[in-house]
Structures are given as structure tokens and as C-alpha cells.
């Protein structure tokens, strides 16, 4: 019985890891999350929202975004990959390209 429990827990751990690695969100959920990341009202965050319109999307905001992308999506982006992002839509595009947004 102990062997089955141990074996079952291994499978359970593998399944949980796959869920985390494969985590996907809808675009609306991502927009909600980005509003939290940048501490902005949700209605202000749309795909068209520009970086210049978000006060907290500064150098510290970029680091926060990078850390949260890693934590939420297991997605590590370099500074060079982050620099061209000038709109919320740019962030969404990267998440789509990497298969992190539900279709």
C-alpha cells in the first residue's frame, strides 16, 4: 500500500508541474493581471495602451513585469526582448507567440 501511495504522489507531482508549466490565461485574464502588475485601473489597460500612458511602466516596472512573466508563465525574457515592447498589445503578442494565451 505504501508503494502505491508513493507512486501516486509522484504522478500527482508530475501532473501539477505540467499544469504550472502549461498555464494559460485568456486575454481578459492577462489584462487583469497586467493592471495589477502596473497598479492601474483595469479599464485603463487595453491592447492599445501605450507604455508612456502607464506611470509605473518604468525601469522598475519592467523588472517587475519580467519577474511576474517568469512566475506566472515560466517565461524568461531578456532586456533586449523587453525593450521593443511599447504597448500592452506588444506584451499580449509575446504571450500569444509563446502559447500562453488561450485562443
N, C-alpha and C. Protein backbone atom coordinates (compact mmCIF):
# COMPACT_ATOMS: atom_id res chain seq x y z
N UNK A 1 0.82 -1.19 0.00
CA UNK A 1 0.00 0.00 0.00
C UNK A 1 0.87 1.26 0.00
N UNK A 2 1.94 1.26 0.74
CA UNK A 2 2.80 2.43 0.79
C UNK A 2 3.43 2.71 -0.58
N UNK A 3 3.79 1.65 -1.29
CA UNK A 3 4.38 1.83 -2.62
C UNK A 3 3.40 2.53 -3.55
N UNK A 4 2.13 2.11 -3.53
CA UNK A 4 1.12 2.72 -4.38
C UNK A 4 0.93 4.19 -4.01
N UNK A 5 0.92 4.50 -2.74
CA UNK A 5 0.76 5.89 -2.31
C UNK A 5 1.94 6.73 -2.79
N UNK A 6 3.14 6.19 -2.63
CA UNK A 6 4.32 6.92 -3.07
C UNK A 6 4.31 7.10 -4.58
N UNK A 7 3.97 6.03 -5.29
CA UNK A 7 3.92 6.12 -6.74
C UNK A 7 2.85 7.11 -7.17
N UNK A 8 1.68 7.08 -6.52
CA UNK A 8 0.61 8.02 -6.83
C UNK A 8 1.03 9.45 -6.58
N UNK A 9 1.78 9.70 -5.53
CA UNK A 9 2.18 11.08 -5.24
C UNK A 9 3.19 11.58 -6.27
N UNK A 10 4.01 10.69 -6.80
CA UNK A 10 4.95 11.09 -7.85
C UNK A 10 4.18 11.52 -9.09
N UNK A 11 3.19 10.71 -9.48
CA UNK A 11 2.38 11.08 -10.64
C UNK A 11 1.64 12.39 -10.40
N UNK A 12 1.15 12.55 -9.18
CA UNK A 12 0.42 13.78 -8.85
C UNK A 12 1.36 14.98 -8.97
N UNK A 13 2.59 14.85 -8.48
CA UNK A 13 3.55 15.94 -8.57
C UNK A 13 3.86 16.27 -10.03
N UNK A 14 4.05 15.25 -10.87
CA UNK A 14 4.33 15.49 -12.28
C UNK A 14 3.15 16.20 -12.94
N UNK A 15 1.94 15.79 -12.60
CA UNK A 15 0.75 16.41 -13.18
C UNK A 15 0.66 17.88 -12.78
N UNK A 16 0.94 18.17 -11.51
CA UNK A 16 0.91 19.55 -11.04
C UNK A 16 1.97 20.39 -11.73
N UNK A 17 3.15 19.83 -11.95
CA UNK A 17 4.21 20.56 -12.65
C UNK A 17 3.78 20.89 -14.07
N UNK A 18 3.16 19.93 -14.75
CA UNK A 18 2.70 20.17 -16.11
C UNK A 18 1.65 21.26 -16.16
N UNK A 19 0.78 21.31 -15.15
CA UNK A 19 -0.24 22.36 -15.11
C UNK A 19 0.40 23.72 -14.97
N UNK A 20 1.42 23.84 -14.14
CA UNK A 20 2.09 25.12 -13.94
C UNK A 20 2.83 25.52 -15.21
N UNK A 21 3.59 24.58 -15.78
CA UNK A 21 4.36 24.89 -16.97
C UNK A 21 3.46 25.26 -18.14
N UNK A 22 2.32 24.63 -18.24
CA UNK A 22 1.43 24.86 -19.35
C UNK A 22 0.35 25.89 -19.05
N UNK A 23 0.54 26.69 -18.01
CA UNK A 23 -0.50 27.62 -17.60
C UNK A 23 -0.81 28.60 -18.72
N UNK A 24 -2.10 28.70 -18.97
CA UNK A 24 -2.57 29.63 -19.99
C UNK A 24 -3.67 30.48 -19.38
N UNK A 25 -3.79 31.69 -19.89
CA UNK A 25 -4.84 32.60 -19.45
C UNK A 25 -5.57 33.11 -20.67
N UNK A 26 -6.78 33.57 -20.47
CA UNK A 26 -7.48 34.27 -21.54
C UNK A 26 -6.88 35.67 -21.65
N UNK A 27 -7.16 36.34 -22.75
CA UNK A 27 -6.66 37.71 -22.91
C UNK A 27 -7.21 38.61 -21.81
N UNK A 28 -8.47 38.43 -21.43
CA UNK A 28 -9.05 39.23 -20.36
C UNK A 28 -8.33 39.01 -19.03
N UNK A 29 -7.98 37.77 -18.74
CA UNK A 29 -7.25 37.48 -17.51
C UNK A 29 -5.86 38.12 -17.54
N UNK A 30 -5.22 38.10 -18.70
CA UNK A 30 -3.91 38.73 -18.82
C UNK A 30 -4.03 40.24 -18.61
N UNK A 31 -5.05 40.85 -19.19
CA UNK A 31 -5.25 42.29 -19.00
C UNK A 31 -5.51 42.61 -17.52
N UNK A 32 -6.28 41.77 -16.84
CA UNK A 32 -6.50 41.95 -15.40
C UNK A 32 -5.18 41.86 -14.65
N UNK A 33 -4.38 40.86 -15.00
CA UNK A 33 -3.08 40.66 -14.36
C UNK A 33 -2.15 41.85 -14.61
N UNK A 34 -2.12 42.35 -15.85
CA UNK A 34 -1.27 43.50 -16.17
C UNK A 34 -1.71 44.75 -15.41
N UNK A 35 -3.01 44.91 -15.20
CA UNK A 35 -3.49 46.04 -14.40
C UNK A 35 -2.93 45.95 -12.99
N UNK A 36 -2.87 44.74 -12.44
CA UNK A 36 -2.29 44.53 -11.11
C UNK A 36 -0.79 44.80 -11.13
N UNK A 37 -0.10 44.28 -12.13
CA UNK A 37 1.36 44.46 -12.22
C UNK A 37 1.71 45.94 -12.23
N UNK A 38 0.98 46.71 -13.02
CA UNK A 38 1.29 48.13 -13.17
C UNK A 38 0.49 49.02 -12.22
N UNK A 39 -0.33 48.39 -11.34
CA UNK A 39 -1.12 49.14 -10.36
C UNK A 39 -1.95 50.22 -11.03
N UNK A 40 -2.67 49.81 -12.06
CA UNK A 40 -3.52 50.71 -12.83
C UNK A 40 -4.96 50.20 -12.80
N UNK A 41 -5.94 51.10 -12.96
CA UNK A 41 -7.32 50.63 -13.05
C UNK A 41 -7.47 49.73 -14.29
N UNK A 42 -8.23 48.68 -14.14
CA UNK A 42 -8.39 47.71 -15.24
C UNK A 42 -8.90 48.38 -16.52
N UNK A 43 -9.80 49.34 -16.40
CA UNK A 43 -10.36 49.98 -17.60
C UNK A 43 -9.32 50.77 -18.39
N UNK A 44 -8.21 51.08 -17.75
CA UNK A 44 -7.13 51.81 -18.44
C UNK A 44 -6.24 50.87 -19.27
N UNK A 45 -6.29 49.58 -18.95
CA UNK A 45 -5.41 48.61 -19.60
C UNK A 45 -6.13 47.93 -20.77
N UNK A 46 -5.72 48.30 -21.97
CA UNK A 46 -6.24 47.70 -23.20
C UNK A 46 -5.05 47.36 -24.08
N UNK A 47 -5.25 46.58 -25.13
CA UNK A 47 -4.13 46.29 -26.03
C UNK A 47 -3.50 47.56 -26.62
N UNK A 48 -4.27 48.62 -26.74
CA UNK A 48 -3.77 49.86 -27.34
C UNK A 48 -3.04 50.77 -26.34
N UNK A 49 -3.12 50.46 -25.04
CA UNK A 49 -2.49 51.31 -24.03
C UNK A 49 -0.99 51.37 -24.26
N UNK A 50 -0.47 52.59 -24.33
CA UNK A 50 0.97 52.81 -24.59
C UNK A 50 1.75 52.85 -23.28
N UNK A 51 2.99 52.45 -23.40
CA UNK A 51 3.90 52.46 -22.25
C UNK A 51 3.96 53.84 -21.61
N UNK A 52 3.99 54.89 -22.43
CA UNK A 52 4.07 56.25 -21.91
C UNK A 52 2.84 56.65 -21.09
N UNK A 53 1.73 55.93 -21.28
CA UNK A 53 0.50 56.23 -20.55
C UNK A 53 0.41 55.51 -19.21
N UNK A 54 1.38 54.67 -18.91
CA UNK A 54 1.41 53.92 -17.66
C UNK A 54 2.61 54.40 -16.84
N UNK A 55 2.33 55.16 -15.81
CA UNK A 55 3.39 55.76 -14.99
C UNK A 55 4.36 54.72 -14.44
N UNK A 56 3.82 53.60 -13.99
CA UNK A 56 4.68 52.60 -13.36
C UNK A 56 5.39 51.67 -14.35
N UNK A 57 5.20 51.90 -15.66
CA UNK A 57 5.93 51.10 -16.66
C UNK A 57 7.26 51.80 -16.92
N UNK A 58 8.04 51.91 -15.85
CA UNK A 58 9.37 52.50 -15.91
C UNK A 58 10.38 51.36 -15.76
N UNK A 59 11.63 51.68 -15.44
CA UNK A 59 12.64 50.62 -15.35
C UNK A 59 12.29 49.62 -14.25
N UNK A 60 11.77 50.08 -13.12
CA UNK A 60 11.37 49.16 -12.06
C UNK A 60 10.15 48.34 -12.50
N UNK A 61 9.23 48.97 -13.21
CA UNK A 61 8.06 48.27 -13.73
C UNK A 61 8.44 47.18 -14.70
N UNK A 62 9.47 47.42 -15.51
CA UNK A 62 9.94 46.40 -16.45
C UNK A 62 10.49 45.20 -15.68
N UNK A 63 11.26 45.47 -14.62
CA UNK A 63 11.79 44.37 -13.81
C UNK A 63 10.67 43.59 -13.14
N UNK A 64 9.67 44.30 -12.65
CA UNK A 64 8.51 43.64 -12.03
C UNK A 64 7.79 42.78 -13.06
N UNK A 65 7.59 43.33 -14.25
CA UNK A 65 6.94 42.58 -15.32
C UNK A 65 7.74 41.33 -15.68
N UNK A 66 9.04 41.47 -15.80
CA UNK A 66 9.90 40.33 -16.13
C UNK A 66 9.78 39.24 -15.06
N UNK A 67 9.81 39.64 -13.80
CA UNK A 67 9.71 38.67 -12.71
C UNK A 67 8.35 37.98 -12.72
N UNK A 68 7.29 38.75 -12.95
CA UNK A 68 5.94 38.18 -12.98
C UNK A 68 5.73 37.27 -14.19
N UNK A 69 6.32 37.62 -15.33
CA UNK A 69 6.23 36.75 -16.51
C UNK A 69 6.87 35.39 -16.21
N UNK A 70 7.99 35.43 -15.51
CA UNK A 70 8.67 34.19 -15.13
C UNK A 70 7.81 33.40 -14.15
N UNK A 71 7.28 34.08 -13.14
CA UNK A 71 6.50 33.40 -12.10
C UNK A 71 5.17 32.86 -12.64
N UNK A 72 4.44 33.66 -13.37
CA UNK A 72 3.09 33.27 -13.84
C UNK A 72 3.12 32.34 -15.03
N UNK A 73 4.08 32.57 -15.95
CA UNK A 73 4.05 31.85 -17.22
C UNK A 73 5.30 31.01 -17.49
N UNK A 74 6.24 31.01 -16.53
CA UNK A 74 7.51 30.32 -16.75
C UNK A 74 8.15 30.83 -18.04
N UNK A 75 8.12 32.14 -18.19
CA UNK A 75 8.59 32.79 -19.41
C UNK A 75 9.68 33.80 -19.02
N UNK A 76 10.91 33.51 -19.43
CA UNK A 76 12.04 34.37 -19.11
C UNK A 76 12.40 35.17 -20.36
N UNK A 77 12.29 36.48 -20.24
CA UNK A 77 12.62 37.37 -21.36
C UNK A 77 13.83 38.22 -20.98
N UNK A 78 14.68 38.47 -21.95
CA UNK A 78 15.85 39.31 -21.71
C UNK A 78 15.47 40.78 -21.82
N UNK A 79 16.37 41.62 -21.38
CA UNK A 79 16.17 43.06 -21.50
C UNK A 79 15.99 43.45 -22.96
N UNK A 80 16.75 42.80 -23.84
CA UNK A 80 16.64 43.09 -25.28
C UNK A 80 15.27 42.72 -25.83
N UNK A 81 14.66 41.67 -25.29
CA UNK A 81 13.32 41.28 -25.72
C UNK A 81 12.26 42.21 -25.15
N UNK A 82 12.54 42.81 -24.01
CA UNK A 82 11.57 43.69 -23.35
C UNK A 82 11.57 45.10 -23.96
N UNK A 83 12.71 45.57 -24.41
CA UNK A 83 12.81 46.95 -24.90
C UNK A 83 11.84 47.34 -26.00
N UNK A 84 11.61 46.49 -27.00
CA UNK A 84 10.70 46.89 -28.07
C UNK A 84 9.23 46.98 -27.64
N UNK A 85 8.90 46.47 -26.47
CA UNK A 85 7.50 46.48 -26.02
C UNK A 85 7.09 47.90 -25.66
N UNK A 86 6.19 48.45 -26.46
CA UNK A 86 5.75 49.83 -26.25
C UNK A 86 4.26 49.94 -25.96
N UNK A 87 3.53 48.83 -26.09
CA UNK A 87 2.11 48.82 -25.78
C UNK A 87 1.77 47.53 -25.05
N UNK A 88 0.60 47.54 -24.41
CA UNK A 88 0.10 46.33 -23.78
C UNK A 88 -0.07 45.25 -24.85
N UNK A 89 -0.47 45.65 -26.04
CA UNK A 89 -0.61 44.70 -27.15
C UNK A 89 0.69 43.99 -27.48
N UNK A 90 1.82 44.67 -27.30
CA UNK A 90 3.12 44.02 -27.54
C UNK A 90 3.35 42.89 -26.54
N UNK A 91 2.95 43.11 -25.29
CA UNK A 91 3.08 42.06 -24.28
C UNK A 91 2.17 40.89 -24.63
N UNK A 92 0.94 41.22 -25.02
CA UNK A 92 -0.01 40.18 -25.42
C UNK A 92 0.53 39.37 -26.60
N UNK A 93 1.16 40.04 -27.57
CA UNK A 93 1.70 39.36 -28.75
C UNK A 93 2.77 38.35 -28.35
N UNK A 94 3.65 38.73 -27.43
CA UNK A 94 4.70 37.80 -26.98
C UNK A 94 4.06 36.60 -26.29
N UNK A 95 3.07 36.85 -25.45
CA UNK A 95 2.40 35.74 -24.76
C UNK A 95 1.69 34.82 -25.75
N UNK A 96 1.10 35.41 -26.78
CA UNK A 96 0.46 34.58 -27.82
C UNK A 96 1.49 33.75 -28.57
N UNK A 97 2.59 34.39 -28.96
CA UNK A 97 3.65 33.69 -29.70
C UNK A 97 4.21 32.51 -28.92
N UNK A 98 4.23 32.67 -27.60
CA UNK A 98 4.79 31.61 -26.74
C UNK A 98 3.72 30.64 -26.24
N UNK A 99 2.50 30.78 -26.77
CA UNK A 99 1.43 29.85 -26.42
C UNK A 99 0.90 29.99 -25.01
N UNK A 100 0.92 31.20 -24.46
CA UNK A 100 0.49 31.42 -23.09
C UNK A 100 -0.91 32.02 -22.97
N UNK A 101 -1.51 32.41 -24.10
CA UNK A 101 -2.87 32.97 -24.08
C UNK A 101 -3.77 31.97 -24.77
N UNK A 102 -4.89 31.67 -24.12
CA UNK A 102 -5.89 30.77 -24.71
C UNK A 102 -6.47 31.39 -25.96
N UNK A 103 -6.69 30.56 -26.96
CA UNK A 103 -7.28 31.04 -28.21
C UNK A 103 -8.75 31.32 -28.07
